[in-house]
PDB file of N, CA and C in Angstrom:
ATOM      1  N   UNK A   1      -0.775   6.433  -9.652  1.00  0.00           N
ATOM      2  CA  UNK A   1      -1.828   6.354  -8.675  1.00  0.00           C
ATOM      3  C   UNK A   1      -2.785   7.510  -8.949  1.00  0.00           C
ATOM      4  N   UNK A   2      -4.078   7.239  -8.843  1.00  0.00           N
ATOM      5  CA  UNK A   2      -5.069   8.286  -9.080  1.00  0.00           C
ATOM      6  C   UNK A   2      -6.245   8.118  -8.116  1.00  0.00           C
ATOM      7  N   UNK A   3      -6.724   9.235  -7.580  1.00  0.00           N
ATOM      8  CA  UNK A   3      -7.890   9.270  -6.706  1.00  0.00           C
ATOM      9  C   UNK A   3      -8.965  10.055  -7.431  1.00  0.00           C
ATOM     10  N   UNK A   4     -10.079   9.408  -7.705  1.00  0.00           N
ATOM     11  CA  UNK A   4     -11.180  10.027  -8.445  1.00  0.00           C
ATOM     12  C   UNK A   4     -10.679  10.643  -9.752  1.00  0.00           C
ATOM     13  N   UNK A   5      -9.744   9.952 -10.408  1.00  0.00           N
ATOM     14  CA  UNK A   5      -9.227  10.389 -11.704  1.00  0.00           C
ATOM     15  C   UNK A   5      -8.132  11.432 -11.645  1.00  0.00           C
ATOM     16  N   UNK A   6      -7.818  11.933 -10.457  1.00  0.00           N
ATOM     17  CA  UNK A   6      -6.768  12.948 -10.304  1.00  0.00           C
ATOM     18  C   UNK A   6      -5.484  12.284  -9.802  1.00  0.00           C
ATOM     19  N   UNK A   7      -4.340  12.627 -10.379  1.00  0.00           N
ATOM     20  CA  UNK A   7      -3.078  12.002  -9.947  1.00  0.00           C
ATOM     21  C   UNK A   7      -2.765  12.271  -8.479  1.00  0.00           C
ATOM     22  N   UNK A   8      -2.238  11.263  -7.819  1.00  0.00           N
ATOM     23  CA  UNK A   8      -1.746  11.371  -6.446  1.00  0.00           C
ATOM     24  C   UNK A   8      -0.272  10.992  -6.505  1.00  0.00           C
ATOM     25  N   UNK A   9       0.587  11.900  -6.067  1.00  0.00           N
ATOM     26  CA  UNK A   9       2.019  11.631  -6.132  1.00  0.00           C
ATOM     27  C   UNK A   9       2.469  10.910  -4.864  1.00  0.00           C
ATOM     28  N   UNK A  10       2.973   9.682  -5.014  1.00  0.00           N
ATOM     29  CA  UNK A  10       3.470   8.968  -3.838  1.00  0.00           C
ATOM     30  C   UNK A  10       4.864   9.455  -3.455  1.00  0.00           C
ATOM     31  N   UNK A  11       5.239   9.188  -2.216  1.00  0.00           N
ATOM     32  CA  UNK A  11       6.584   9.474  -1.745  1.00  0.00           C
ATOM     33  C   UNK A  11       7.402   8.193  -1.831  1.00  0.00           C
ATOM     34  N   UNK A  12       8.665   8.323  -2.202  1.00  0.00           N
ATOM     35  CA  UNK A  12       9.552   7.175  -2.291  1.00  0.00           C
ATOM     36  C   UNK A  12      10.342   7.039  -0.999  1.00  0.00           C
ATOM     37  N   UNK A  13      10.314   5.847  -0.432  1.00  0.00           N
ATOM     38  CA  UNK A  13      11.107   5.553   0.752  1.00  0.00           C
ATOM     39  C   UNK A  13      12.167   4.533   0.353  1.00  0.00           C
ATOM     40  N   UNK A  14      13.415   4.946   0.479  1.00  0.00           N
ATOM     41  CA  UNK A  14      14.526   4.044   0.164  1.00  0.00           C
ATOM     42  C   UNK A  14      14.593   2.950   1.218  1.00  0.00           C
ATOM     43  N   UNK A  15      15.328   1.920   0.925  1.00  0.00           N
ATOM     44  CA  UNK A  15      15.394   0.753   1.794  1.00  0.00           C
ATOM     45  C   UNK A  15      15.973   1.022   3.166  1.00  0.00           C
ATOM     46  N   UNK A  16      15.268   0.572   4.194  1.00  0.00           N
ATOM     47  CA  UNK A  16      15.727   0.569   5.572  1.00  0.00           C
ATOM     48  C   UNK A  16      15.685  -0.872   6.070  1.00  0.00           C
ATOM     49  N   UNK A  17      16.647  -1.231   6.872  1.00  0.00           N
ATOM     50  CA  UNK A  17      16.672  -2.564   7.441  1.00  0.00           C
ATOM     51  C   UNK A  17      15.566  -2.687   8.496  1.00  0.00           C
ATOM     52  N   UNK A  18      14.779  -3.755   8.414  1.00  0.00           N
ATOM     53  CA  UNK A  18      13.717  -4.010   9.385  1.00  0.00           C
ATOM     54  C   UNK A  18      13.844  -5.454   9.878  1.00  0.00           C
ATOM     55  N   UNK A  19      13.379  -5.703  11.084  1.00  0.00           N
ATOM     56  CA  UNK A  19      13.351  -7.061  11.626  1.00  0.00           C
ATOM     57  C   UNK A  19      11.916  -7.538  11.635  1.00  0.00           C
ATOM     58  N   UNK A  20      11.710  -8.732  11.113  1.00  0.00           N
ATOM     59  CA  UNK A  20      10.374  -9.308  11.008  1.00  0.00           C
ATOM     60  C   UNK A  20      10.368 -10.617  11.778  1.00  0.00           C
ATOM     61  N   UNK A  21       9.303 -10.865  12.511  1.00  0.00           N
ATOM     62  CA  UNK A  21       9.159 -12.151  13.187  1.00  0.00           C
ATOM     63  C   UNK A  21       8.046 -12.923  12.505  1.00  0.00           C
ATOM     64  N   UNK A  22       8.415 -14.031  11.900  1.00  0.00           N
ATOM     65  CA  UNK A  22       7.460 -14.838  11.152  1.00  0.00           C
ATOM     66  C   UNK A  22       6.967 -16.026  11.961  1.00  0.00           C
ATOM     67  N   UNK A  23       5.734 -16.405  11.703  1.00  0.00           N
ATOM     68  CA  UNK A  23       5.170 -17.603  12.308  1.00  0.00           C
ATOM     69  C   UNK A  23       5.423 -18.772  11.358  1.00  0.00           C
ATOM     70  N   UNK A  24       5.298 -19.962  11.857  1.00  0.00           N
ATOM     71  CA  UNK A  24       5.520 -21.152  11.037  1.00  0.00           C
ATOM     72  C   UNK A  24       4.629 -21.107   9.802  1.00  0.00           C
ATOM     73  N   UNK A  25       5.160 -21.504   8.656  1.00  0.00           N
ATOM     74  CA  UNK A  25       4.459 -21.536   7.364  1.00  0.00           C
ATOM     75  C   UNK A  25       4.044 -20.153   6.880  1.00  0.00           C
ATOM     76  N   UNK A  26       4.748 -19.083   7.332  1.00  0.00           N
ATOM     77  CA  UNK A  26       4.400 -17.754   6.839  1.00  0.00           C
ATOM     78  C   UNK A  26       4.674 -17.667   5.345  1.00  0.00           C
ATOM     79  N   UNK A  27       4.064 -16.719   4.689  1.00  0.00           N
ATOM     80  CA  UNK A  27       4.129 -16.605   3.232  1.00  0.00           C
ATOM     81  C   UNK A  27       5.426 -16.000   2.710  1.00  0.00           C
ATOM     82  N   UNK A  28       6.258 -15.435   3.590  1.00  0.00           N
ATOM     83  CA  UNK A  28       7.504 -14.811   3.139  1.00  0.00           C
ATOM     84  C   UNK A  28       8.637 -15.823   3.094  1.00  0.00           C
ATOM     85  N   UNK A  29       8.875 -16.514   4.214  1.00  0.00           N
ATOM     86  CA  UNK A  29      10.003 -17.449   4.275  1.00  0.00           C
ATOM     87  C   UNK A  29       9.559 -18.896   4.443  1.00  0.00           C
ATOM     88  N   UNK A  30       8.317 -19.122   4.861  1.00  0.00           N
ATOM     89  CA  UNK A  30       7.845 -20.472   5.124  1.00  0.00           C
ATOM     90  C   UNK A  30       8.302 -21.019   6.465  1.00  0.00           C
ATOM     91  N   UNK A  31       9.083 -20.227   7.201  1.00  0.00           N
ATOM     92  CA  UNK A  31       9.624 -20.672   8.477  1.00  0.00           C
ATOM     93  C   UNK A  31       9.270 -19.669   9.564  1.00  0.00           C
ATOM     94  N   UNK A  32       9.289 -20.151  10.806  1.00  0.00           N
ATOM     95  CA  UNK A  32       9.082 -19.231  11.917  1.00  0.00           C
ATOM     96  C   UNK A  32      10.419 -18.683  12.379  1.00  0.00           C
ATOM     97  N   UNK A  33      10.375 -17.559  13.089  1.00  0.00           N
ATOM     98  CA  UNK A  33      11.588 -16.961  13.620  1.00  0.00           C
ATOM     99  C   UNK A  33      11.806 -15.568  13.076  1.00  0.00           C
ATOM    100  N   UNK A  34      12.822 -14.921  13.599  1.00  0.00           N
ATOM    101  CA  UNK A  34      13.147 -13.553  13.192  1.00  0.00           C
ATOM    102  C   UNK A  34      14.082 -13.561  11.994  1.00  0.00           C
ATOM    103  N   UNK A  35      13.875 -12.588  11.123  1.00  0.00           N
ATOM    104  CA  UNK A  35      14.797 -12.398  10.013  1.00  0.00           C
ATOM    105  C   UNK A  35      14.847 -10.923   9.666  1.00  0.00           C
ATOM    106  N   UNK A  36      15.892 -10.545   8.988  1.00  0.00           N
ATOM    107  CA  UNK A  36      16.079  -9.158   8.579  1.00  0.00           C
ATOM    108  C   UNK A  36      15.667  -9.015   7.125  1.00  0.00           C
ATOM    109  N   UNK A  37      14.971  -7.941   6.823  1.00  0.00           N
ATOM    110  CA  UNK A  37      14.530  -7.655   5.462  1.00  0.00           C
ATOM    111  C   UNK A  37      14.743  -6.164   5.200  1.00  0.00           C
ATOM    112  N   UNK A  38      14.407  -5.747   4.014  1.00  0.00           N
ATOM    113  CA  UNK A  38      14.495  -4.340   3.634  1.00  0.00           C
ATOM    114  C   UNK A  38      13.082  -3.818   3.427  1.00  0.00           C
ATOM    115  N   UNK A  39      12.744  -2.749   4.142  1.00  0.00           N
ATOM    116  CA  UNK A  39      11.448  -2.094   3.974  1.00  0.00           C
ATOM    117  C   UNK A  39      11.624  -0.880   3.083  1.00  0.00           C
ATOM    118  N   UNK A  40      10.930  -0.862   1.976  1.00  0.00           N
ATOM    119  CA  UNK A  40      11.038   0.258   1.037  1.00  0.00           C
ATOM    120  C   UNK A  40       9.754   0.333   0.227  1.00  0.00           C
ATOM    121  N   UNK A  41       9.641   1.330  -0.604  1.00  0.00           N
ATOM    122  CA  UNK A  41       8.493   1.393  -1.498  1.00  0.00           C
ATOM    123  C   UNK A  41       7.967   2.788  -1.704  1.00  0.00           C
ATOM    124  N   UNK A  42       6.802   2.822  -2.300  1.00  0.00           N
ATOM    125  CA  UNK A  42       6.087   4.069  -2.554  1.00  0.00           C
ATOM    126  C   UNK A  42       4.917   4.140  -1.585  1.00  0.00           C
ATOM    127  N   UNK A  43       4.734   5.299  -0.972  1.00  0.00           N
ATOM    128  CA  UNK A  43       3.674   5.495   0.003  1.00  0.00           C
ATOM    129  C   UNK A  43       2.925   6.767  -0.342  1.00  0.00           C
ATOM    130  N   UNK A  44       1.625   6.756  -0.152  1.00  0.00           N
ATOM    131  CA  UNK A  44       0.815   7.936  -0.429  1.00  0.00           C
ATOM    132  C   UNK A  44      -0.154   8.164   0.717  1.00  0.00           C
ATOM    133  N   UNK A  45      -0.342   9.423   1.048  1.00  0.00           N
ATOM    134  CA  UNK A  45      -1.321   9.790   2.063  1.00  0.00           C
ATOM    135  C   UNK A  45      -2.449  10.502   1.343  1.00  0.00           C
ATOM    136  N   UNK A  46      -3.663  10.009   1.514  1.00  0.00           N
ATOM    137  CA  UNK A  46      -4.819  10.596   0.849  1.00  0.00           C
ATOM    138  C   UNK A  46      -5.400  11.707   1.709  1.00  0.00           C
ATOM    139  N   UNK A  47      -5.970  12.703   1.057  1.00  0.00           N
ATOM    140  CA  UNK A  47      -6.626  13.765   1.823  1.00  0.00           C
ATOM    141  C   UNK A  47      -7.934  13.230   2.413  1.00  0.00           C
ATOM    142  N   UNK A  48      -8.507  13.944   3.397  1.00  0.00           N
ATOM    143  CA  UNK A  48      -9.824  13.528   3.899  1.00  0.00           C
ATOM    144  C   UNK A  48     -10.821  13.490   2.739  1.00  0.00           C
ATOM    145  N   UNK A  49     -11.615  12.447   2.690  1.00  0.00           N
ATOM    146  CA  UNK A  49     -12.558  12.270   1.587  1.00  0.00           C
ATOM    147  C   UNK A  49     -13.967  12.644   2.011  1.00  0.00           C
ATOM    148  N   UNK A  50     -14.684  13.276   1.109  1.00  0.00           N
ATOM    149  CA  UNK A  50     -16.086  13.625   1.350  1.00  0.00           C
ATOM    150  C   UNK A  50     -16.927  12.347   1.371  1.00  0.00           C
ATOM    151  N   UNK A  51     -18.062  12.366   2.057  1.00  0.00           N
ATOM    152  CA  UNK A  51     -18.932  11.196   2.038  1.00  0.00           C
ATOM    153  C   UNK A  51     -19.314  10.818   0.608  1.00  0.00           C
ATOM    154  N   UNK A  52     -19.426   9.517   0.379  1.00  0.00           N
ATOM    155  CA  UNK A  52     -19.796   9.023  -0.937  1.00  0.00           C
ATOM    156  C   UNK A  52     -18.764   8.036  -1.465  1.00  0.00           C
ATOM    157  N   UNK A  53     -18.898   7.670  -2.729  1.00  0.00           N
ATOM    158  CA  UNK A  53     -18.018   6.698  -3.373  1.00  0.00           C
ATOM    159  C   UNK A  53     -16.832   7.410  -4.018  1.00  0.00           C
ATOM    160  N   UNK A  54     -15.668   6.801  -3.901  1.00  0.00           N
ATOM    161  CA  UNK A  54     -14.431   7.319  -4.492  1.00  0.00           C
ATOM    162  C   UNK A  54     -13.694   6.165  -5.142  1.00  0.00           C
ATOM    163  N   UNK A  55     -12.947   6.462  -6.198  1.00  0.00           N
ATOM    164  CA  UNK A  55     -12.142   5.431  -6.843  1.00  0.00           C
ATOM    165  C   UNK A  55     -10.663   5.708  -6.600  1.00  0.00           C
ATOM    166  N   UNK A  56      -9.930   4.644  -6.301  1.00  0.00           N
ATOM    167  CA  UNK A  56      -8.487   4.728  -6.107  1.00  0.00           C
ATOM    168  C   UNK A  56      -7.853   3.692  -7.015  1.00  0.00           C
ATOM    169  N   UNK A  57      -6.990   4.136  -7.922  1.00  0.00           N
ATOM    170  CA  UNK A  57      -6.313   3.235  -8.852  1.00  0.00           C
ATOM    171  C   UNK A  57      -4.825   3.267  -8.574  1.00  0.00           C
ATOM    172  N   UNK A  58      -4.254   2.076  -8.380  1.00  0.00           N
ATOM    173  CA  UNK A  58      -2.822   1.939  -8.159  1.00  0.00           C
ATOM    174  C   UNK A  58      -2.292   1.052  -9.272  1.00  0.00           C
ATOM    175  N   UNK A  59      -1.333   1.581 -10.031  1.00  0.00           N
ATOM    176  CA  UNK A  59      -0.767   0.843 -11.154  1.00  0.00           C
ATOM    177  C   UNK A  59       0.717   1.132 -11.215  1.00  0.00           C
ATOM    178  N   UNK A  60       1.528   0.103 -11.341  1.00  0.00           N
ATOM    179  CA  UNK A  60       2.961   0.326 -11.455  1.00  0.00           C
ATOM    180  C   UNK A  60       3.709  -0.943 -11.786  1.00  0.00           C
ATOM    181  N   UNK A  61       4.964  -0.772 -12.150  1.00  0.00           N
ATOM    182  CA  UNK A  61       5.806  -1.900 -12.507  1.00  0.00           C
ATOM    183  C   UNK A  61       7.259  -1.572 -12.203  1.00  0.00           C
ATOM    184  N   UNK A  62       7.986  -2.563 -11.732  1.00  0.00           N
ATOM    185  CA  UNK A  62       9.419  -2.450 -11.512  1.00  0.00           C
ATOM    186  C   UNK A  62      10.023  -3.819 -11.792  1.00  0.00           C
ATOM    187  N   UNK A  63      10.798  -3.911 -12.849  1.00  0.00           N
ATOM    188  CA  UNK A  63      11.355  -5.210 -13.233  1.00  0.00           C
ATOM    189  C   UNK A  63      10.248  -6.198 -13.529  1.00  0.00           C
ATOM    190  N   UNK A  64      10.300  -7.360 -12.897  1.00  0.00           N
ATOM    191  CA  UNK A  64       9.291  -8.403 -13.114  1.00  0.00           C
ATOM    192  C   UNK A  64       8.056  -8.242 -12.230  1.00  0.00           C
ATOM    193  N   UNK A  65       8.079  -7.269 -11.319  1.00  0.00           N
ATOM    194  CA  UNK A  65       6.969  -7.068 -10.397  1.00  0.00           C
ATOM    195  C   UNK A  65       6.026  -5.999 -10.946  1.00  0.00           C
ATOM    196  N   UNK A  66       4.747  -6.306 -10.960  1.00  0.00           N
ATOM    197  CA  UNK A  66       3.776  -5.297 -11.378  1.00  0.00           C
ATOM    198  C   UNK A  66       2.541  -5.389 -10.496  1.00  0.00           C
ATOM    199  N   UNK A  67       1.834  -4.267 -10.414  1.00  0.00           N
ATOM    200  CA  UNK A  67       0.596  -4.210  -9.650  1.00  0.00           C
ATOM    201  C   UNK A  67      -0.407  -3.362 -10.427  1.00  0.00           C
ATOM    202  N   UNK A  68      -1.652  -3.780 -10.400  1.00  0.00           N
ATOM    203  CA  UNK A  68      -2.725  -3.039 -11.065  1.00  0.00           C
ATOM    204  C   UNK A  68      -3.998  -3.296 -10.262  1.00  0.00           C
ATOM    205  N   UNK A  69      -4.364  -2.334  -9.408  1.00  0.00           N
ATOM    206  CA  UNK A  69      -5.474  -2.511  -8.473  1.00  0.00           C
ATOM    207  C   UNK A  69      -6.423  -1.331  -8.578  1.00  0.00           C
ATOM    208  N   UNK A  70      -7.704  -1.625  -8.584  1.00  0.00           N
ATOM    209  CA  UNK A  70      -8.738  -0.588  -8.538  1.00  0.00           C
ATOM    210  C   UNK A  70      -9.574  -0.816  -7.281  1.00  0.00           C
ATOM    211  N   UNK A  71      -9.677   0.227  -6.449  1.00  0.00           N
ATOM    212  CA  UNK A  71     -10.482   0.160  -5.239  1.00  0.00           C
ATOM    213  C   UNK A  71     -11.667   1.105  -5.382  1.00  0.00           C
ATOM    214  N   UNK A  72     -12.792   0.724  -4.818  1.00  0.00           N
ATOM    215  CA  UNK A  72     -13.915   1.620  -4.647  1.00  0.00           C
ATOM    216  C   UNK A  72     -14.009   1.865  -3.142  1.00  0.00           C
ATOM    217  N   UNK A  73     -13.782   3.110  -2.745  1.00  0.00           N
ATOM    218  CA  UNK A  73     -13.826   3.492  -1.334  1.00  0.00           C
ATOM    219  C   UNK A  73     -15.160   4.166  -1.057  1.00  0.00           C
ATOM    220  N   UNK A  74     -15.866   3.719  -0.037  1.00  0.00           N
ATOM    221  CA  UNK A  74     -17.141   4.333   0.324  1.00  0.00           C
ATOM    222  C   UNK A  74     -16.982   4.988   1.687  1.00  0.00           C
ATOM    223  N   UNK A  75     -17.180   6.293   1.740  1.00  0.00           N
ATOM    224  CA  UNK A  75     -17.044   7.064   2.959  1.00  0.00           C
ATOM    225  C   UNK A  75     -18.431   7.415   3.467  1.00  0.00           C
ATOM    226  N   UNK A  76     -18.707   7.027   4.712  1.00  0.00           N
ATOM    227  CA  UNK A  76     -19.994   7.344   5.315  1.00  0.00           C
ATOM    228  C   UNK A  76     -20.000   8.743   5.889  1.00  0.00           C
ATOM    229  N   UNK A  77     -21.179   9.285   6.092  1.00  0.00           N
ATOM    230  CA  UNK A  77     -21.319  10.610   6.694  1.00  0.00           C
ATOM    231  C   UNK A  77     -20.966  10.541   8.171  1.00  0.00           C
ATOM    232  N   UNK A  78     -20.334  11.579   8.670  1.00  0.00           N
ATOM    233  CA  UNK A  78     -19.953  11.637  10.075  1.00  0.00           C
ATOM    234  C   UNK A  78     -21.184  11.887  10.918  1.00  0.00           C
ATOM    235  N   UNK A  79     -21.245  11.237  12.091  1.00  0.00           N
ATOM    236  CA  UNK A  79     -22.379  11.441  12.992  1.00  0.00           C
ATOM    237  C   UNK A  79     -22.069  12.515  14.042  1.00  0.00           C
ATOM    238  N   UNK A  80     -20.876  13.063  13.968  1.00  0.00           N
ATOM    239  CA  UNK A  80     -20.496  14.072  14.978  1.00  0.00           C
ATOM    240  C   UNK A  80     -20.948  15.456  14.579  1.00  0.00           C
TER     241      UNK A  80
END
């Protein structure tokens, strides 16, 4: 992960049991109702960003799962 070309170190959260309530035809199970899943992953907190354009790149792979996303974040000037 990189913000404006500088590395951002994410934190790893090991699996915790979570309860999810799905609506009919949801994208996870296709069924409505409650089910138990595992919530885990990498999380990053970004510092406050100065006004202007910023780039955020997220790239990673684990087994057959991969992600490669580039965001352009635009921060407006504060009116306060």
